[in-house]
Amino acid sequence: MADRSTAPVKNTVKDTVKERPLRKPDWLKIPIRRGNNMAYVEDLIRDSSLNTVCKEANCPNRMECYSNKTATFMILGSVCTRGCRFCNVTGGEPGCPDPEEPAKLAEAVQALGLKFAVVTSVTRDDLEDGGASVFAQVIREVHALDPPVGIEVLIPDFQGSREALHKVLEAGPEILNHNIETVPSLYETVRPDAVYQRSLDLLAEVKTSRPLVYTKSGLMLGLGETEEEVMKVIRDLHESGCDFLTMGQYLRPSKDHLPVKKYISPETFKKYEQAALSMGFKAAACAPFVRSSYNAAVMLEAVKG
């Protein structure tokens, strides 16, 4: 297991060689719109002192999801102990978790009238269990709603701790999501504090210990990976027992983050999706604007019929 000591790291790459930004293709241009429920969701999240990955990660689907009265909640604060160079979430030294957060999140889920909730977190390597106990409490609070609400949790790697992972699994999430993010050759550049095999092992452990829990993982493309590398990751995920796969285009959050190396065509995304399904994934969603939590309930409904 990796050393738990963590120094504050900012998610910037100011030392990266300056490159002329690529021109966005037409398929990546989103019309600006504001739905009827946008203000309601924003006010509810603010008044509940909650965070969403929609806002913190600057998700391109935020307007659509908020307008549909849904959001991906982000627990354990808004400051991450790691410095992934693609991520817009603030890196640094986080504060203590809010003990009321699980209950407040469940109340927000009920107020939104959700039938399925998606919850992720910043990475908290400073906590003894990486925040696993908070994930578990959130799952229990959401399941205790009347009527009960299903839940997908998108978890960090807990530095390889099986004990932490099992705390989450014992609470019984419907879907356990852990993103592989990119191909192995880019880990040192893209997510230097993560380990490719450790993430695969986490997903495999879920299926070994809790085979009825669906597993899910996702990649972002356009950081310099080759098609051959992507296909290898898809195979590795399938061999680890992964049920659901998502892929989307990496979009640079700011000039201080890694640049986009290539915009992947919708046709190429479709090819990856078809390859995943032919390998035996239960469901796959691969397209430029797909994110790991986008339309999360749809995959579950598809496999349950």
C-alpha atoms as a PDB file:
ATOM      1  CA  MET A   1       0.000   0.000   0.000  1.00  0.00           C
ATOM      2  CA  ALA A   2       1.215   3.492  -0.800  1.00  0.00           C
ATOM      3  CA  ASP A   3       2.345   5.926   1.871  1.00  0.00           C
ATOM      4  CA  ARG A   4      -0.691   7.802   3.241  1.00  0.00           C
ATOM      5  CA  SER A   5       1.244  11.034   3.767  1.00  0.00           C
ATOM      6  CA  THR A   6       0.201  13.599   1.192  1.00  0.00           C
ATOM      7  CA  ALA A   7       1.559  17.022   0.316  1.00  0.00           C
ATOM      8  CA  PRO A   8      -0.796  19.607  -1.170  1.00  0.00           C
ATOM      9  CA  VAL A   9      -0.611  19.531  -4.949  1.00  0.00           C
ATOM     10  CA  LYS A  10      -2.191  21.919  -7.411  1.00  0.00           C
ATOM     11  CA  ASN A  11      -3.744  20.472 -10.552  1.00  0.00           C
ATOM     12  CA  THR A  12      -1.718  22.544 -12.956  1.00  0.00           C
ATOM     13  CA  VAL A  13       0.811  21.911 -15.683  1.00  0.00           C
ATOM     14  CA  LYS A  14       2.351  25.328 -16.164  1.00  0.00           C
ATOM     15  CA  ASP A  15       5.639  23.663 -17.003  1.00  0.00           C
ATOM     16  CA  THR A  16       4.076  21.906 -20.000  1.00  0.00           C
ATOM     17  CA  VAL A  17       5.475  22.961 -23.359  1.00  0.00           C
ATOM     18  CA  LYS A  18       3.116  25.510 -24.853  1.00  0.00           C
ATOM     19  CA  GLU A  19       1.144  24.189 -27.784  1.00  0.00           C
ATOM     20  CA  ARG A  20      -1.307  25.872 -30.094  1.00  0.00           C
ATOM     21  CA  PRO A  21      -4.787  24.736 -29.001  1.00  0.00           C
ATOM     22  CA  LEU A  22      -6.624  22.466 -31.390  1.00  0.00           C
ATOM     23  CA  ARG A  23      -9.729  23.865 -33.002  1.00  0.00           C
ATOM     24  CA  LYS A  24     -12.846  22.209 -31.698  1.00  0.00           C
ATOM     25  CA  PRO A  25     -14.802  20.286 -34.325  1.00  0.00           C
ATOM     26  CA  ASP A  26     -18.495  20.962 -34.884  1.00  0.00           C
ATOM     27  CA  TRP A  27     -19.574  17.912 -32.890  1.00  0.00           C
ATOM     28  CA  LEU A  28     -18.126  19.465 -29.717  1.00  0.00           C
ATOM     29  CA  LYS A  29     -20.048  22.737 -29.892  1.00  0.00           C
ATOM     30  CA  ILE A  30     -22.815  22.880 -27.276  1.00  0.00           C
ATOM     31  CA  PRO A  31     -25.672  25.347 -27.734  1.00  0.00           C
ATOM     32  CA  ILE A  32     -26.005  27.654 -24.702  1.00  0.00           C
ATOM     33  CA  ARG A  33     -29.301  27.106 -22.937  1.00  0.00           C
ATOM     34  CA  ARG A  34     -30.719  27.296 -19.474  1.00  0.00           C
ATOM     35  CA  GLY A  35     -33.493  24.913 -18.456  1.00  0.00           C
ATOM     36  CA  ASN A  36     -36.430  25.617 -16.194  1.00  0.00           C
ATOM     37  CA  ASN A  37     -35.032  23.632 -13.238  1.00  0.00           C
ATOM     38  CA  MET A  38     -31.482  24.995 -13.381  1.00  0.00           C
ATOM     39  CA  ALA A  39     -31.914  27.612 -10.638  1.00  0.00           C
ATOM     40  CA  TYR A  40     -33.869  25.201  -8.433  1.00  0.00           C
ATOM     41  CA  VAL A  41     -31.095  22.596  -8.427  1.00  0.00           C
ATOM     42  CA  GLU A  42     -28.365  25.204  -7.932  1.00  0.00           C
ATOM     43  CA  ASP A  43     -30.236  26.750  -4.988  1.00  0.00           C
ATOM     44  CA  LEU A  44     -30.926  23.359  -3.395  1.00  0.00           C
ATOM     45  CA  ILE A  45     -27.272  22.312  -3.591  1.00  0.00           C
ATOM     46  CA  ARG A  46     -26.063  25.648  -2.230  1.00  0.00           C
ATOM     47  CA  ASP A  47     -28.586  25.765   0.604  1.00  0.00           C
ATOM     48  CA  SER A  48     -27.702  22.188   1.604  1.00  0.00           C
ATOM     49  CA  SER A  49     -23.960  23.009   1.673  1.00  0.00           C
ATOM     50  CA  LEU A  50     -23.332  20.165  -0.765  1.00  0.00           C
ATOM     51  CA  ASN A  51     -20.906  19.835  -3.678  1.00  0.00           C
ATOM     52  CA  THR A  52     -21.439  18.375  -7.121  1.00  0.00           C
ATOM     53  CA  VAL A  53     -18.852  17.056  -9.532  1.00  0.00           C
ATOM     54  CA  CYS A  54     -20.982  18.715 -12.227  1.00  0.00           C
ATOM     55  CA  LYS A  55     -19.767  22.119 -11.049  1.00  0.00           C
ATOM     56  CA  GLU A  56     -16.350  21.293  -9.570  1.00  0.00           C
ATOM     57  CA  ALA A  57     -15.220  19.350 -12.654  1.00  0.00           C
ATOM     58  CA  ASN A  58     -16.868  21.814 -15.071  1.00  0.00           C
ATOM     59  CA  CYS A  59     -18.879  19.046 -16.739  1.00  0.00           C
ATOM     60  CA  PRO A  60     -20.205  19.909 -20.226  1.00  0.00           C
ATOM     61  CA  ASN A  61     -23.530  18.205 -19.417  1.00  0.00           C
ATOM     62  CA  ARG A  62     -24.261  20.281 -16.318  1.00  0.00           C
ATOM     63  CA  MET A  63     -27.014  22.404 -17.849  1.00  0.00           C
ATOM     64  CA  GLU A  64     -28.788  19.366 -19.253  1.00  0.00           C
ATOM     65  CA  CYS A  65     -28.600  17.385 -16.020  1.00  0.00           C
ATOM     66  CA  TYR A  66     -29.609  20.291 -13.784  1.00  0.00           C
ATOM     67  CA  SER A  67     -32.508  21.027 -16.108  1.00  0.00           C
ATOM     68  CA  ASN A  68     -33.623  17.426 -15.617  1.00  0.00           C
ATOM     69  CA  LYS A  69     -33.409  17.905 -11.840  1.00  0.00           C
ATOM     70  CA  THR A  70     -30.446  15.604 -11.382  1.00  0.00           C
ATOM     71  CA  ALA A  71     -26.809  15.964 -10.348  1.00  0.00           C
ATOM     72  CA  THR A  72     -23.804  13.883  -9.369  1.00  0.00           C
ATOM     73  CA  PHE A  73     -23.099  14.650  -5.731  1.00  0.00           C
ATOM     74  CA  MET A  74     -19.493  14.960  -4.554  1.00  0.00           C
ATOM     75  CA  ILE A  75     -18.866  14.114  -0.910  1.00  0.00           C
ATOM     76  CA  LEU A  76     -15.928  14.625   1.463  1.00  0.00           C
ATOM     77  CA  GLY A  77     -15.472  18.263   0.553  1.00  0.00           C
ATOM     78  CA  SER A  78     -14.288  19.970  -2.617  1.00  0.00           C
ATOM     79  CA  VAL A  79     -10.491  19.779  -2.136  1.00  0.00           C
ATOM     80  CA  CYS A  80      -8.603  16.715  -3.398  1.00  0.00           C
ATOM     81  CA  THR A  81      -5.344  15.365  -1.969  1.00  0.00           C
ATOM     82  CA  ARG A  82      -4.094  14.313  -5.395  1.00  0.00           C
ATOM     83  CA  GLY A  83      -2.991  16.355  -8.371  1.00  0.00           C
ATOM     84  CA  CYS A  84      -4.341  14.656 -11.483  1.00  0.00           C
ATOM     85  CA  ARG A  85      -3.375  16.904 -14.362  1.00  0.00           C
ATOM     86  CA  PHE A  86      -6.640  16.620 -16.247  1.00  0.00           C
ATOM     87  CA  CYS A  87      -9.001  17.428 -13.385  1.00  0.00           C
ATOM     88  CA  ASN A  88     -10.616  20.758 -12.561  1.00  0.00           C
ATOM     89  CA  VAL A  89     -11.266  19.842  -8.904  1.00  0.00           C
ATOM     90  CA  THR A  90      -9.072  21.891  -6.553  1.00  0.00           C
ATOM     91  CA  GLY A  91      -6.006  20.138  -5.156  1.00  0.00           C
ATOM     92  CA  GLY A  92      -4.585  20.877  -1.738  1.00  0.00           C
ATOM     93  CA  GLU A  93      -5.143  20.196   1.934  1.00  0.00           C
ATOM     94  CA  PRO A  94      -8.817  19.417   2.680  1.00  0.00           C
ATOM     95  CA  GLY A  95     -10.710  20.059   5.879  1.00  0.00           C
ATOM     96  CA  CYS A  96     -12.550  17.595   8.122  1.00  0.00           C
ATOM     97  CA  PRO A  97     -15.540  15.783   6.609  1.00  0.00           C
ATOM     98  CA  ASP A  98     -18.962  17.138   7.528  1.00  0.00           C
ATOM     99  CA  PRO A  99     -20.633  14.523   9.783  1.00  0.00           C
ATOM    100  CA  GLU A 100     -24.063  15.726   8.605  1.00  0.00           C
ATOM    101  CA  GLU A 101     -23.223  15.339   4.920  1.00  0.00           C
ATOM    102  CA  PRO A 102     -24.784  11.862   4.371  1.00  0.00           C
ATOM    103  CA  ALA A 103     -28.120  12.940   5.871  1.00  0.00           C
ATOM    104  CA  LYS A 104     -28.120  16.250   3.961  1.00  0.00           C
ATOM    105  CA  LEU A 105     -27.350  14.452   0.718  1.00  0.00           C
ATOM    106  CA  ALA A 106     -30.247  12.030   1.237  1.00  0.00           C
ATOM    107  CA  GLU A 107     -32.566  14.973   1.893  1.00  0.00           C
ATOM    108  CA  ALA A 108     -31.455  16.596  -1.371  1.00  0.00           C
ATOM    109  CA  VAL A 109     -32.039  13.340  -3.270  1.00  0.00           C
ATOM    110  CA  GLN A 110     -35.575  13.213  -1.878  1.00  0.00           C
ATOM    111  CA  ALA A 111     -36.222  16.894  -2.631  1.00  0.00           C
ATOM    112  CA  LEU A 112     -35.174  16.348  -6.251  1.00  0.00           C
ATOM    113  CA  GLY A 113     -37.479  13.341  -6.506  1.00  0.00           C
ATOM    114  CA  LEU A 114     -34.661  11.112  -7.755  1.00  0.00           C
ATOM    115  CA  LYS A 115     -35.207   7.399  -8.262  1.00  0.00           C
ATOM    116  CA  PHE A 116     -31.470   6.810  -8.655  1.00  0.00           C
ATOM    117  CA  ALA A 117     -28.570   8.778  -7.170  1.00  0.00           C
ATOM    118  CA  VAL A 118     -24.941   9.059  -8.235  1.00  0.00           C
ATOM    119  CA  VAL A 119     -22.329   9.951  -5.633  1.00  0.00           C
ATOM    120  CA  THR A 120     -18.606  10.472  -6.077  1.00  0.00           C
ATOM    121  CA  SER A 121     -15.916  12.154  -3.998  1.00  0.00           C
ATOM    122  CA  VAL A 122     -12.609  13.891  -4.039  1.00  0.00           C
ATOM    123  CA  THR A 123      -9.717  11.588  -3.167  1.00  0.00           C
ATOM    124  CA  ARG A 124      -8.960  11.761   0.559  1.00  0.00           C
ATOM    125  CA  ASP A 125      -5.620  10.041   1.125  1.00  0.00           C
ATOM    126  CA  ASP A 126      -5.384  11.992   4.392  1.00  0.00           C
ATOM    127  CA  LEU A 127      -8.197   9.933   5.971  1.00  0.00           C
ATOM    128  CA  GLU A 128      -7.506   6.546   7.560  1.00  0.00           C
ATOM    129  CA  ASP A 129     -10.023   4.730   5.350  1.00  0.00           C
ATOM    130  CA  GLY A 130      -9.938   7.198   2.458  1.00  0.00           C
ATOM    131  CA  GLY A 131     -13.505   8.228   3.226  1.00  0.00           C
ATOM    132  CA  ALA A 132     -14.960   4.726   2.741  1.00  0.00           C
ATOM    133  CA  SER A 133     -17.044   4.942   5.913  1.00  0.00           C
ATOM    134  CA  VAL A 134     -18.669   8.156   4.649  1.00  0.00           C
ATOM    135  CA  PHE A 135     -19.513   6.488   1.337  1.00  0.00           C
ATOM    136  CA  ALA A 136     -21.087   3.621   3.285  1.00  0.00           C
ATOM    137  CA  GLN A 137     -23.187   5.978   5.390  1.00  0.00           C
ATOM    138  CA  VAL A 138     -24.370   7.850   2.303  1.00  0.00           C
ATOM    139  CA  ILE A 139     -25.483   4.565   0.726  1.00  0.00           C
ATOM    140  CA  ARG A 140     -27.409   3.595   3.852  1.00  0.00           C
ATOM    141  CA  GLU A 141     -29.082   7.009   4.116  1.00  0.00           C
ATOM    142  CA  VAL A 142     -30.176   6.957   0.470  1.00  0.00           C
ATOM    143  CA  HIS A 143     -31.453   3.383   0.703  1.00  0.00           C
ATOM    144  CA  ALA A 144     -33.442   4.335   3.816  1.00  0.00           C
ATOM    145  CA  LEU A 145     -35.524   6.901   1.925  1.00  0.00           C
ATOM    146  CA  ASP A 146     -39.205   6.161   1.364  1.00  0.00           C
ATOM    147  CA  PRO A 147     -39.482   4.995  -1.336  1.00  0.00           C
ATOM    148  CA  PRO A 148     -35.894   3.630  -1.396  1.00  0.00           C
ATOM    149  CA  VAL A 149     -33.528   5.103  -3.969  1.00  0.00           C
ATOM    150  CA  GLY A 150     -30.855   3.134  -5.831  1.00  0.00           C
ATOM    151  CA  ILE A 151     -27.312   4.439  -5.898  1.00  0.00           C
ATOM    152  CA  GLU A 152     -24.118   4.362  -7.913  1.00  0.00           C
ATOM    153  CA  VAL A 153     -20.914   5.297  -6.098  1.00  0.00           C
ATOM    154  CA  LEU A 154     -17.868   6.443  -8.038  1.00  0.00           C
ATOM    155  CA  ILE A 155     -15.024   5.772  -5.642  1.00  0.00           C
ATOM    156  CA  PRO A 156     -11.277   6.519  -5.520  1.00  0.00           C
ATOM    157  CA  ASP A 157      -8.792   3.654  -5.251  1.00  0.00           C
ATOM    158  CA  PHE A 158      -8.439   3.916  -1.426  1.00  0.00           C
ATOM    159  CA  GLN A 159      -4.709   3.347  -2.044  1.00  0.00           C
ATOM    160  CA  GLY A 160      -5.430  -0.322  -2.610  1.00  0.00           C
ATOM    161  CA  SER A 161      -7.061  -0.939   0.780  1.00  0.00           C
ATOM    162  CA  ARG A 162      -9.417  -3.910   0.576  1.00  0.00           C
ATOM    163  CA  GLU A 163     -10.712  -3.119   4.037  1.00  0.00           C
ATOM    164  CA  ALA A 164     -11.843   0.314   2.866  1.00  0.00           C
ATOM    165  CA  LEU A 165     -13.390  -1.123  -0.287  1.00  0.00           C
ATOM    166  CA  HIS A 166     -15.352  -3.683   1.701  1.00  0.00           C
ATOM    167  CA  LYS A 167     -16.777  -0.968   3.949  1.00  0.00           C
ATOM    168  CA  VAL A 168     -18.421   0.474   0.847  1.00  0.00           C
ATOM    169  CA  LEU A 169     -19.531  -2.881  -0.527  1.00  0.00           C
ATOM    170  CA  GLU A 170     -21.126  -3.964   2.746  1.00  0.00           C
ATOM    171  CA  ALA A 171     -23.522  -1.017   2.443  1.00  0.00           C
ATOM    172  CA  GLY A 172     -24.834  -2.541  -0.792  1.00  0.00           C
ATOM    173  CA  PRO A 173     -24.546  -0.026  -3.656  1.00  0.00           C
ATOM    174  CA  GLU A 174     -26.276  -1.062  -6.871  1.00  0.00           C
ATOM    175  CA  ILE A 175     -23.270   0.055  -8.962  1.00  0.00           C
ATOM    176  CA  LEU A 176     -19.638   0.415  -7.882  1.00  0.00           C
ATOM    177  CA  ASN A 177     -17.829   2.701 -10.309  1.00  0.00           C
ATOM    178  CA  HIS A 178     -14.093   3.304 -10.395  1.00  0.00           C
ATOM    179  CA  ASN A 179     -12.587   5.088 -13.377  1.00  0.00           C
ATOM    180  CA  ILE A 180      -9.446   3.758 -15.026  1.00  0.00           C
ATOM    181  CA  GLU A 181      -9.281   7.203 -16.754  1.00  0.00           C
ATOM    182  CA  THR A 182      -6.550   6.595 -19.345  1.00  0.00           C
ATOM    183  CA  VAL A 183      -4.106   4.098 -20.813  1.00  0.00           C
ATOM    184  CA  PRO A 184      -1.120   2.815 -18.751  1.00  0.00           C
ATOM    185  CA  SER A 185       1.527   4.665 -20.773  1.00  0.00           C
ATOM    186  CA  LEU A 186      -0.034   8.021 -19.824  1.00  0.00           C
ATOM    187  CA  TYR A 187      -0.478   7.435 -16.100  1.00  0.00           C
ATOM    188  CA  GLU A 188       2.761   9.166 -15.103  1.00  0.00           C
ATOM    189  CA  THR A 189       1.711  12.278 -17.018  1.00  0.00           C
ATOM    190  CA  VAL A 190      -2.052  12.254 -16.449  1.00  0.00           C
ATOM    191  CA  ARG A 191      -2.560  10.780 -12.974  1.00  0.00           C
ATOM    192  CA  PRO A 192       0.860  10.309 -11.350  1.00  0.00           C
ATOM    193  CA  ASP A 193      -0.476   9.286  -7.920  1.00  0.00           C
ATOM    194  CA  ALA A 194      -2.551   6.407  -9.310  1.00  0.00           C
ATOM    195  CA  VAL A 195      -1.552   2.868 -10.334  1.00  0.00           C
ATOM    196  CA  TYR A 196      -3.174   1.190 -13.335  1.00  0.00           C
ATOM    197  CA  GLN A 197      -3.039  -2.362 -11.972  1.00  0.00           C
ATOM    198  CA  ARG A 198      -4.314  -1.224  -8.586  1.00  0.00           C
ATOM    199  CA  SER A 199      -7.457   0.104 -10.225  1.00  0.00           C
ATOM    200  CA  LEU A 200      -7.966  -3.133 -12.154  1.00  0.00           C
ATOM    201  CA  ASP A 201      -7.484  -5.112  -8.944  1.00  0.00           C
ATOM    202  CA  LEU A 202     -10.116  -3.005  -7.179  1.00  0.00           C
ATOM    203  CA  LEU A 203     -12.713  -3.790  -9.845  1.00  0.00           C
ATOM    204  CA  ALA A 204     -11.793  -7.482  -9.813  1.00  0.00           C
ATOM    205  CA  GLU A 205     -12.122  -7.623  -6.024  1.00  0.00           C
ATOM    206  CA  VAL A 206     -15.661  -6.244  -6.231  1.00  0.00           C
ATOM    207  CA  LYS A 207     -16.766  -9.033  -8.570  1.00  0.00           C
ATOM    208  CA  THR A 208     -14.970 -11.679  -6.526  1.00  0.00           C
ATOM    209  CA  SER A 209     -16.460 -10.652  -3.194  1.00  0.00           C
ATOM    210  CA  ARG A 210     -19.814  -9.185  -4.265  1.00  0.00           C
ATOM    211  CA  PRO A 211     -20.700 -10.630  -7.679  1.00  0.00           C
ATOM    212  CA  LEU A 212     -24.228  -9.152  -7.604  1.00  0.00           C
ATOM    213  CA  VAL A 213     -22.886  -5.583  -7.433  1.00  0.00           C
ATOM    214  CA  TYR A 214     -22.480  -4.136 -10.921  1.00  0.00           C
ATOM    215  CA  THR A 215     -19.061  -2.666 -11.692  1.00  0.00           C
ATOM    216  CA  LYS A 216     -18.363   0.243 -13.980  1.00  0.00           C
ATOM    217  CA  SER A 217     -15.341   2.141 -15.264  1.00  0.00           C
ATOM    218  CA  GLY A 218     -14.587   4.948 -17.670  1.00  0.00           C
ATOM    219  CA  LEU A 219     -11.915   6.539 -19.833  1.00  0.00           C
ATOM    220  CA  MET A 220     -11.396   9.983 -21.288  1.00  0.00           C
ATOM    221  CA  LEU A 221      -9.806  10.077 -24.718  1.00  0.00           C
ATOM    222  CA  GLY A 222      -7.737  12.631 -26.583  1.00  0.00           C
ATOM    223  CA  LEU A 223      -4.669  12.784 -24.334  1.00  0.00           C
ATOM    224  CA  GLY A 224      -2.333  11.036 -26.751  1.00  0.00           C
ATOM    225  CA  GLU A 225      -3.396   7.391 -26.458  1.00  0.00           C
ATOM    226  CA  THR A 226      -3.404   5.076 -29.476  1.00  0.00           C
ATOM    227  CA  GLU A 227      -6.362   2.970 -30.635  1.00  0.00           C
ATOM    228  CA  GLU A 228      -4.365  -0.162 -29.838  1.00  0.00           C
ATOM    229  CA  GLU A 229      -3.829   1.048 -26.257  1.00  0.00           C
ATOM    230  CA  VAL A 230      -7.518   1.834 -25.825  1.00  0.00           C
ATOM    231  CA  MET A 231      -8.526  -1.615 -27.041  1.00  0.00           C
ATOM    232  CA  LYS A 232      -6.075  -3.176 -24.578  1.00  0.00           C
ATOM    233  CA  VAL A 233      -7.649  -1.223 -21.697  1.00  0.00           C
ATOM    234  CA  ILE A 234     -11.135  -2.350 -22.765  1.00  0.00           C
ATOM    235  CA  ARG A 235      -9.931  -5.969 -22.701  1.00  0.00           C
ATOM    236  CA  ASP A 236      -8.246  -5.505 -19.311  1.00  0.00           C
ATOM    237  CA  LEU A 237     -11.432  -4.060 -17.838  1.00  0.00           C
ATOM    238  CA  HIS A 238     -13.524  -6.916 -19.205  1.00  0.00           C
ATOM    239  CA  GLU A 239     -11.103  -9.478 -17.788  1.00  0.00           C
ATOM    240  CA  SER A 240     -11.438  -7.731 -14.414  1.00  0.00           C
ATOM    241  CA  GLY A 241     -15.171  -8.389 -14.499  1.00  0.00           C
ATOM    242  CA  CYS A 242     -16.259  -4.856 -15.361  1.00  0.00           C
ATOM    243  CA  ASP A 243     -19.939  -4.733 -16.372  1.00  0.00           C
ATOM    244  CA  PHE A 244     -20.383  -1.176 -17.689  1.00  0.00           C
ATOM    245  CA  LEU A 245     -18.034   1.035 -19.706  1.00  0.00           C
ATOM    246  CA  THR A 246     -18.102   4.778 -20.454  1.00  0.00           C
ATOM    247  CA  MET A 247     -15.822   6.803 -22.714  1.00  0.00           C
ATOM    248  CA  GLY A 248     -15.796  10.504 -23.479  1.00  0.00           C
ATOM    249  CA  GLN A 249     -13.645  13.225 -24.969  1.00  0.00           C
ATOM    250  CA  TYR A 250     -11.160  14.954 -22.665  1.00  0.00           C
ATOM    251  CA  LEU A 251     -11.830  18.701 -22.658  1.00  0.00           C
ATOM    252  CA  ARG A 252      -9.151  20.931 -21.190  1.00  0.00           C
ATOM    253  CA  PRO A 253     -10.599  22.780 -18.156  1.00  0.00           C
ATOM    254  CA  SER A 254      -8.061  25.623 -18.362  1.00  0.00           C
ATOM    255  CA  LYS A 255      -4.704  26.581 -19.856  1.00  0.00           C
ATOM    256  CA  ASP A 256      -3.049  25.225 -16.697  1.00  0.00           C
ATOM    257  CA  HIS A 257      -4.224  21.672 -17.430  1.00  0.00           C
ATOM    258  CA  LEU A 258      -2.998  19.114 -19.924  1.00  0.00           C
ATOM    259  CA  PRO A 259      -3.702  20.095 -23.528  1.00  0.00           C
ATOM    260  CA  VAL A 260      -5.958  18.087 -25.789  1.00  0.00           C
ATOM    261  CA  LYS A 261      -3.820  16.065 -28.188  1.00  0.00           C
ATOM    262  CA  LYS A 262      -6.671  14.965 -30.435  1.00  0.00           C
ATOM    263  CA  TYR A 263     -10.427  15.266 -30.798  1.00  0.00           C
ATOM    264  CA  ILE A 264     -11.832  11.787 -31.242  1.00  0.00           C
ATOM    265  CA  SER A 265     -14.566  11.427 -33.848  1.00  0.00           C
ATOM    266  CA  PRO A 266     -18.025  10.104 -32.968  1.00  0.00           C
ATOM    267  CA  GLU A 267     -17.367   7.241 -35.376  1.00  0.00           C
ATOM    268  CA  THR A 268     -14.291   6.155 -33.446  1.00  0.00           C
ATOM    269  CA  PHE A 269     -16.210   6.309 -30.175  1.00  0.00           C
ATOM    270  CA  LYS A 270     -18.906   4.125 -31.735  1.00  0.00           C
ATOM    271  CA  LYS A 271     -16.252   1.619 -32.784  1.00  0.00           C
ATOM    272  CA  TYR A 272     -15.016   1.360 -29.189  1.00  0.00           C
ATOM    273  CA  GLU A 273     -18.575   0.965 -27.942  1.00  0.00           C
ATOM    274  CA  GLN A 274     -19.273  -1.864 -30.350  1.00  0.00           C
ATOM    275  CA  ALA A 275     -15.975  -3.531 -29.445  1.00  0.00           C
ATOM    276  CA  ALA A 276     -16.849  -3.419 -25.747  1.00  0.00           C
ATOM    277  CA  LEU A 277     -20.275  -4.903 -26.327  1.00  0.00           C
ATOM    278  CA  SER A 278     -18.831  -7.658 -28.512  1.00  0.00           C
ATOM    279  CA  MET A 279     -16.391  -8.547 -25.716  1.00  0.00           C
ATOM    280  CA  GLY A 280     -19.266  -9.057 -23.321  1.00  0.00           C
ATOM    281  CA  PHE A 281     -19.795  -5.791 -21.446  1.00  0.00           C
ATOM    282  CA  LYS A 282     -23.408  -5.582 -20.284  1.00  0.00           C
ATOM    283  CA  ALA A 283     -23.637  -1.958 -21.450  1.00  0.00           C
ATOM    284  CA  ALA A 284     -21.363   0.685 -22.934  1.00  0.00           C
ATOM    285  CA  ALA A 285     -21.749   4.396 -23.636  1.00  0.00           C
ATOM    286  CA  CYS A 286     -19.012   5.921 -25.775  1.00  0.00           C
ATOM    287  CA  ALA A 287     -19.402   9.375 -27.322  1.00  0.00           C
ATOM    288  CA  PRO A 288     -17.679  12.768 -27.078  1.00  0.00           C
ATOM    289  CA  PHE A 289     -19.854  14.193 -24.271  1.00  0.00           C
ATOM    290  CA  VAL A 290     -20.296  10.979 -22.293  1.00  0.00           C
ATOM    291  CA  ARG A 291     -19.086  11.207 -18.707  1.00  0.00           C
ATOM    292  CA  SER A 292     -18.961   8.388 -16.163  1.00  0.00           C
ATOM    293  CA  SER A 293     -22.129   9.518 -14.383  1.00  0.00           C
ATOM    294  CA  TYR A 294     -24.124  10.719 -17.390  1.00  0.00           C
ATOM    295  CA  ASN A 295     -27.535   8.984 -17.574  1.00  0.00           C
ATOM    296  CA  ALA A 296     -26.255   6.487 -15.017  1.00  0.00           C
ATOM    297  CA  ALA A 297     -29.659   4.948 -14.322  1.00  0.00           C
ATOM    298  CA  VAL A 298     -30.157   4.116 -17.997  1.00  0.00           C
ATOM    299  CA  MET A 299     -27.462   1.430 -17.953  1.00  0.00           C
ATOM    300  CA  LEU A 300     -28.922  -0.204 -14.871  1.00  0.00           C
ATOM    301  CA  GLU A 301     -32.434  -0.168 -16.328  1.00  0.00           C
ATOM    302  CA  ALA A 302     -31.134  -1.667 -19.570  1.00  0.00           C
ATOM    303  CA  VAL A 303     -29.625  -4.732 -17.901  1.00  0.00           C
ATOM    304  CA  LYS A 304     -32.524  -5.211 -15.511  1.00  0.00           C
ATOM    305  CA  GLY A 305     -35.083  -4.966 -18.288  1.00  0.00           C
END
